[in-house]
Amino acid sequence: MTLPSTYTDRNCSLARALEIVGERWTLLIVRDAFFGVRRFGDFATQLGLPRAVLTNRLKLLVREGVLARDDNGAGTVEYRLTDKGVELWPIVRALMAWGDAFYSPGGMKRTLRHDLDGGLLDSEARCQECGSVVPVEDTRIEPGPGFEPVNADSDAVSAMLNRPRRLLQPLVPARASHADESK
């Protein structure tokens, strides 16, 4: 259910923000974009959502400047976070931490580390090793103690997502099919 558009007339920035990222699946698309997912078919495979919903959410995120749609001219379309989209990282990180704290009895699903020195990041993205506040592009995500691999053997993208990697690093599995890339 979407929020009524009348919220834009009210004096509430949170309501306006929720009009963009508050619909079901939208923050998961943004999360996967941070994890390096870029292609329509890969978002669809990872999230298991209806393609029509994915198409609508991607169009909204592009229209609002959260994602950019890049067409290489050879039929391959990729979506990448814009600077505006990258600004959502503290929100995504906080929601992941909240979910770990209250819904992951086995511990954190994914651990965030400073890629340069391997130090764990705290809730403010500060490295426990060097004390630096670590930007998104220098953050490595890896399986945590509560991590349960999903689709590990079913596709190359899932296998890549189940291994340590830097955020925002594009996932580019070796494959030739571009049938779903033009959405």
C-alpha atoms as a PDB file:
ATOM      1  CA  MET A   1       0.000   0.000   0.000  1.00  0.00           C
ATOM      2  CA  THR A   2       1.459   3.362  -0.976  1.00  0.00           C
ATOM      3  CA  LEU A   3       1.260   6.479   1.121  1.00  0.00           C
ATOM      4  CA  PRO A   4      -1.207   9.070  -0.110  1.00  0.00           C
ATOM      5  CA  SER A   5       0.382  11.764  -2.256  1.00  0.00           C
ATOM      6  CA  THR A   6      -1.091  14.423   0.002  1.00  0.00           C
ATOM      7  CA  TYR A   7       1.855  13.871   2.353  1.00  0.00           C
ATOM      8  CA  THR A   8       3.980  16.076   0.078  1.00  0.00           C
ATOM      9  CA  ASP A   9       1.773  19.010   1.076  1.00  0.00           C
ATOM     10  CA  ARG A  10       2.447  18.489   4.757  1.00  0.00           C
ATOM     11  CA  ASN A  11       5.389  19.684   6.755  1.00  0.00           C
ATOM     12  CA  CYS A  12       7.003  16.263   7.178  1.00  0.00           C
ATOM     13  CA  SER A  13      10.203  15.234   5.438  1.00  0.00           C
ATOM     14  CA  LEU A  14       9.890  11.682   6.753  1.00  0.00           C
ATOM     15  CA  ALA A  15       6.551  11.234   5.000  1.00  0.00           C
ATOM     16  CA  ARG A  16       8.045  12.527   1.745  1.00  0.00           C
ATOM     17  CA  ALA A  17      11.039  10.191   2.089  1.00  0.00           C
ATOM     18  CA  LEU A  18       8.709   7.238   2.704  1.00  0.00           C
ATOM     19  CA  GLU A  19       6.882   8.030  -0.531  1.00  0.00           C
ATOM     20  CA  ILE A  20      10.155   7.215  -2.298  1.00  0.00           C
ATOM     21  CA  VAL A  21      11.647   4.349  -0.271  1.00  0.00           C
ATOM     22  CA  GLY A  22       8.746   3.183   1.894  1.00  0.00           C
ATOM     23  CA  GLU A  23       6.991   0.820  -0.490  1.00  0.00           C
ATOM     24  CA  ARG A  24       7.525  -2.901  -0.087  1.00  0.00           C
ATOM     25  CA  TRP A  25      10.695  -4.110  -1.841  1.00  0.00           C
ATOM     26  CA  THR A  26      12.156  -0.642  -2.438  1.00  0.00           C
ATOM     27  CA  LEU A  27      14.709  -0.631   0.391  1.00  0.00           C
ATOM     28  CA  LEU A  28      15.662  -4.207  -0.495  1.00  0.00           C
ATOM     29  CA  ILE A  29      16.403  -3.071  -4.045  1.00  0.00           C
ATOM     30  CA  VAL A  30      18.524  -0.254  -2.619  1.00  0.00           C
ATOM     31  CA  ARG A  31      20.253  -2.702  -0.248  1.00  0.00           C
ATOM     32  CA  ASP A  32      21.085  -5.023  -3.127  1.00  0.00           C
ATOM     33  CA  ALA A  33      22.413  -2.070  -5.133  1.00  0.00           C
ATOM     34  CA  PHE A  34      24.817  -1.397  -2.239  1.00  0.00           C
ATOM     35  CA  PHE A  35      25.783  -5.078  -2.377  1.00  0.00           C
ATOM     36  CA  GLY A  36      26.686  -4.646  -6.058  1.00  0.00           C
ATOM     37  CA  VAL A  37      23.597  -5.977  -7.852  1.00  0.00           C
ATOM     38  CA  ARG A  38      23.141  -3.937 -11.035  1.00  0.00           C
ATOM     39  CA  ARG A  39      21.094  -5.904 -13.566  1.00  0.00           C
ATOM     40  CA  PHE A  40      17.328  -6.302 -13.713  1.00  0.00           C
ATOM     41  CA  GLY A  41      17.460 -10.088 -13.873  1.00  0.00           C
ATOM     42  CA  ASP A  42      19.825 -10.259 -10.916  1.00  0.00           C
ATOM     43  CA  PHE A  43      17.543  -8.055  -8.772  1.00  0.00           C
ATOM     44  CA  ALA A  44      14.619 -10.283  -9.761  1.00  0.00           C
ATOM     45  CA  THR A  45      16.506 -13.473  -8.898  1.00  0.00           C
ATOM     46  CA  GLN A  46      17.824 -12.206  -5.568  1.00  0.00           C
ATOM     47  CA  LEU A  47      14.591 -10.675  -4.333  1.00  0.00           C
ATOM     48  CA  GLY A  48      12.055 -13.072  -5.841  1.00  0.00           C
ATOM     49  CA  LEU A  49       9.577 -10.273  -6.474  1.00  0.00           C
ATOM     50  CA  PRO A  50       7.229 -10.008  -9.444  1.00  0.00           C
ATOM     51  CA  ARG A  51       8.941  -8.457 -12.470  1.00  0.00           C
ATOM     52  CA  ALA A  52       6.205  -5.842 -12.870  1.00  0.00           C
ATOM     53  CA  VAL A  53       6.788  -4.679  -9.285  1.00  0.00           C
ATOM     54  CA  LEU A  54      10.544  -4.574  -9.861  1.00  0.00           C
ATOM     55  CA  THR A  55      10.064  -2.573 -13.058  1.00  0.00           C
ATOM     56  CA  ASN A  56       7.851  -0.043 -11.237  1.00  0.00           C
ATOM     57  CA  ARG A  57      10.226   0.305  -8.287  1.00  0.00           C
ATOM     58  CA  LEU A  58      13.274   0.731 -10.535  1.00  0.00           C
ATOM     59  CA  LYS A  59      11.468   3.381 -12.604  1.00  0.00           C
ATOM     60  CA  LEU A  60      10.519   5.265  -9.430  1.00  0.00           C
ATOM     61  CA  LEU A  61      14.055   5.111  -8.043  1.00  0.00           C
ATOM     62  CA  VAL A  62      15.479   6.338 -11.355  1.00  0.00           C
ATOM     63  CA  ARG A  63      12.876   9.108 -11.650  1.00  0.00           C
ATOM     64  CA  GLU A  64      13.665  10.256  -8.108  1.00  0.00           C
ATOM     65  CA  GLY A  65      17.419  10.220  -8.728  1.00  0.00           C
ATOM     66  CA  VAL A  66      18.227   7.419  -6.264  1.00  0.00           C
ATOM     67  CA  LEU A  67      19.399   5.089  -9.047  1.00  0.00           C
ATOM     68  CA  ALA A  68      20.826   5.843 -12.471  1.00  0.00           C
ATOM     69  CA  ARG A  69      19.941   3.638 -15.425  1.00  0.00           C
ATOM     70  CA  ASP A  70      22.963   2.995 -17.624  1.00  0.00           C
ATOM     71  CA  ASP A  71      22.518   1.484 -21.090  1.00  0.00           C
ATOM     72  CA  ASN A  72      25.798   0.467 -22.711  1.00  0.00           C
ATOM     73  CA  GLY A  73      24.220   0.472 -26.164  1.00  0.00           C
ATOM     74  CA  ALA A  74      24.699  -3.279 -26.615  1.00  0.00           C
ATOM     75  CA  GLY A  75      21.445  -4.201 -24.882  1.00  0.00           C
ATOM     76  CA  THR A  76      22.857  -4.364 -21.358  1.00  0.00           C
ATOM     77  CA  VAL A  77      21.173  -2.101 -18.827  1.00  0.00           C
ATOM     78  CA  GLU A  78      22.577  -1.594 -15.353  1.00  0.00           C
ATOM     79  CA  TYR A  79      21.297   0.333 -12.368  1.00  0.00           C
ATOM     80  CA  ARG A  80      23.722   2.026 -10.011  1.00  0.00           C
ATOM     81  CA  LEU A  81      23.261   4.172  -6.952  1.00  0.00           C
ATOM     82  CA  THR A  82      23.646   7.908  -7.495  1.00  0.00           C
ATOM     83  CA  ASP A  83      25.176  10.174  -4.861  1.00  0.00           C
ATOM     84  CA  LYS A  84      21.615  10.712  -3.591  1.00  0.00           C
ATOM     85  CA  GLY A  85      21.173   6.939  -3.340  1.00  0.00           C
ATOM     86  CA  VAL A  86      24.496   6.429  -1.538  1.00  0.00           C
ATOM     87  CA  GLU A  87      23.237   8.882   1.102  1.00  0.00           C
ATOM     88  CA  LEU A  88      20.741   6.178   2.092  1.00  0.00           C
ATOM     89  CA  TRP A  89      23.542   3.932   3.411  1.00  0.00           C
ATOM     90  CA  PRO A  90      23.296   5.046   7.074  1.00  0.00           C
ATOM     91  CA  ILE A  91      19.568   4.230   6.989  1.00  0.00           C
ATOM     92  CA  VAL A  92      20.089   0.828   5.372  1.00  0.00           C
ATOM     93  CA  ARG A  93      22.963   0.077   7.776  1.00  0.00           C
ATOM     94  CA  ALA A  94      20.842   1.090  10.801  1.00  0.00           C
ATOM     95  CA  LEU A  95      17.894  -1.057   9.686  1.00  0.00           C
ATOM     96  CA  MET A  96      20.208  -4.029   9.148  1.00  0.00           C
ATOM     97  CA  ALA A  97      21.636  -3.557  12.668  1.00  0.00           C
ATOM     98  CA  TRP A  98      18.152  -3.229  14.143  1.00  0.00           C
ATOM     99  CA  GLY A  99      17.074  -6.412  12.368  1.00  0.00           C
ATOM    100  CA  ASP A 100      20.167  -8.227  13.647  1.00  0.00           C
ATOM    101  CA  ALA A 101      19.521  -7.055  17.215  1.00  0.00           C
ATOM    102  CA  PHE A 102      15.877  -8.103  17.330  1.00  0.00           C
ATOM    103  CA  TYR A 103      15.406 -10.822  14.702  1.00  0.00           C
ATOM    104  CA  SER A 104      18.683 -12.699  14.345  1.00  0.00           C
ATOM    105  CA  PRO A 105      19.237 -14.930  17.388  1.00  0.00           C
ATOM    106  CA  GLY A 106      22.399 -16.347  15.768  1.00  0.00           C
ATOM    107  CA  GLY A 107      24.054 -12.937  15.673  1.00  0.00           C
ATOM    108  CA  MET A 108      24.701 -10.434  12.909  1.00  0.00           C
ATOM    109  CA  LYS A 109      23.772 -11.681   9.452  1.00  0.00           C
ATOM    110  CA  ARG A 110      26.495  -9.597   7.831  1.00  0.00           C
ATOM    111  CA  THR A 111      29.545  -7.961   9.331  1.00  0.00           C
ATOM    112  CA  LEU A 112      30.833  -4.601   8.143  1.00  0.00           C
ATOM    113  CA  ARG A 113      34.596  -3.993   8.107  1.00  0.00           C
ATOM    114  CA  HIS A 114      37.018  -1.325   7.019  1.00  0.00           C
ATOM    115  CA  ASP A 115      38.424  -2.754   3.807  1.00  0.00           C
ATOM    116  CA  LEU A 116      41.812  -1.106   4.342  1.00  0.00           C
ATOM    117  CA  ASP A 117      42.645  -2.629   7.738  1.00  0.00           C
ATOM    118  CA  GLY A 118      39.912  -5.202   8.438  1.00  0.00           C
ATOM    119  CA  GLY A 119      38.638  -3.419  11.529  1.00  0.00           C
ATOM    120  CA  LEU A 120      35.008  -3.944  12.515  1.00  0.00           C
ATOM    121  CA  LEU A 121      32.731  -0.945  12.021  1.00  0.00           C
ATOM    122  CA  ASP A 122      30.518   0.295  14.826  1.00  0.00           C
ATOM    123  CA  SER A 123      26.997   1.675  14.412  1.00  0.00           C
ATOM    124  CA  GLU A 124      28.417   5.034  13.308  1.00  0.00           C
ATOM    125  CA  ALA A 125      30.681   3.416  10.656  1.00  0.00           C
ATOM    126  CA  ARG A 126      33.772   4.066  12.777  1.00  0.00           C
ATOM    127  CA  CYS A 127      36.551   1.520  12.403  1.00  0.00           C
ATOM    128  CA  GLN A 128      37.454  -0.144  15.704  1.00  0.00           C
ATOM    129  CA  GLU A 129      41.005  -0.681  14.422  1.00  0.00           C
ATOM    130  CA  CYS A 130      42.058   2.788  13.188  1.00  0.00           C
ATOM    131  CA  GLY A 131      39.254   5.024  14.492  1.00  0.00           C
ATOM    132  CA  SER A 132      38.338   6.422  11.073  1.00  0.00           C
ATOM    133  CA  VAL A 133      34.778   6.985   9.960  1.00  0.00           C
ATOM    134  CA  VAL A 134      34.699   4.708   6.938  1.00  0.00           C
ATOM    135  CA  PRO A 135      32.908   5.794   3.749  1.00  0.00           C
ATOM    136  CA  VAL A 136      30.636   3.352   1.958  1.00  0.00           C
ATOM    137  CA  GLU A 137      33.121   2.654  -0.838  1.00  0.00           C
ATOM    138  CA  ASP A 138      35.757   1.534   1.723  1.00  0.00           C
ATOM    139  CA  THR A 139      33.349  -0.784   3.555  1.00  0.00           C
ATOM    140  CA  ARG A 140      33.628  -4.548   3.171  1.00  0.00           C
ATOM    141  CA  ILE A 141      30.622  -6.723   3.919  1.00  0.00           C
ATOM    142  CA  GLU A 142      31.070 -10.349   4.866  1.00  0.00           C
ATOM    143  CA  PRO A 143      29.034 -13.166   6.369  1.00  0.00           C
ATOM    144  CA  GLY A 144      28.493 -12.740  10.101  1.00  0.00           C
ATOM    145  CA  PRO A 145      27.836 -15.393  12.756  1.00  0.00           C
ATOM    146  CA  GLY A 146      24.077 -15.442  11.998  1.00  0.00           C
ATOM    147  CA  PHE A 147      24.527 -15.615   8.224  1.00  0.00           C
ATOM    148  CA  GLU A 148      22.711 -18.412   6.405  1.00  0.00           C
ATOM    149  CA  PRO A 149      23.712 -18.713   2.721  1.00  0.00           C
ATOM    150  CA  VAL A 150      20.779 -18.454   0.339  1.00  0.00           C
ATOM    151  CA  ASN A 151      20.779 -19.784  -3.224  1.00  0.00           C
ATOM    152  CA  ALA A 152      24.506 -20.468  -2.832  1.00  0.00           C
ATOM    153  CA  ASP A 153      24.659 -23.019  -5.609  1.00  0.00           C
ATOM    154  CA  SER A 154      21.804 -21.821  -7.789  1.00  0.00           C
ATOM    155  CA  ASP A 155      23.391 -18.830  -9.530  1.00  0.00           C
ATOM    156  CA  ALA A 156      26.647 -16.907  -9.800  1.00  0.00           C
ATOM    157  CA  VAL A 157      25.261 -13.692  -8.280  1.00  0.00           C
ATOM    158  CA  SER A 158      24.086 -15.478  -5.128  1.00  0.00           C
ATOM    159  CA  ALA A 159      27.466 -17.148  -4.775  1.00  0.00           C
ATOM    160  CA  MET A 160      29.185 -13.758  -5.068  1.00  0.00           C
ATOM    161  CA  LEU A 161      26.836 -12.191  -2.497  1.00  0.00           C
ATOM    162  CA  ASN A 162      27.647 -14.978  -0.029  1.00  0.00           C
ATOM    163  CA  ARG A 163      31.365 -14.050   0.004  1.00  0.00           C
ATOM    164  CA  PRO A 164      33.168 -11.044   1.488  1.00  0.00           C
ATOM    165  CA  ARG A 165      33.219  -8.063  -0.871  1.00  0.00           C
ATOM    166  CA  ARG A 166      33.342  -4.284  -0.945  1.00  0.00           C
ATOM    167  CA  LEU A 167      30.076  -2.394  -1.024  1.00  0.00           C
ATOM    168  CA  LEU A 168      29.160  -0.740  -4.336  1.00  0.00           C
ATOM    169  CA  GLN A 169      31.519  -3.082  -6.223  1.00  0.00           C
ATOM    170  CA  PRO A 170      29.471  -4.258  -9.215  1.00  0.00           C
ATOM    171  CA  LEU A 171      28.648  -7.931  -9.403  1.00  0.00           C
ATOM    172  CA  VAL A 172      29.558  -9.073 -12.868  1.00  0.00           C
ATOM    173  CA  PRO A 173      29.069 -12.814 -13.109  1.00  0.00           C
ATOM    174  CA  ALA A 174      30.418 -14.571 -16.146  1.00  0.00           C
ATOM    175  CA  ARG A 175      27.426 -15.200 -18.375  1.00  0.00           C
ATOM    176  CA  ALA A 176      26.362 -14.361 -21.886  1.00  0.00           C
ATOM    177  CA  SER A 177      22.580 -13.990 -21.586  1.00  0.00           C
ATOM    178  CA  HIS A 178      21.210 -10.468 -21.751  1.00  0.00           C
ATOM    179  CA  ALA A 179      17.544 -11.388 -22.263  1.00  0.00           C
ATOM    180  CA  ASP A 180      16.414  -9.673 -19.056  1.00  0.00           C
ATOM    181  CA  GLU A 181      18.877  -6.792 -19.164  1.00  0.00           C
ATOM    182  CA  SER A 182      16.828  -4.309 -21.164  1.00  0.00           C
ATOM    183  CA  LYS A 183      14.148  -3.514 -18.543  1.00  0.00           C
END
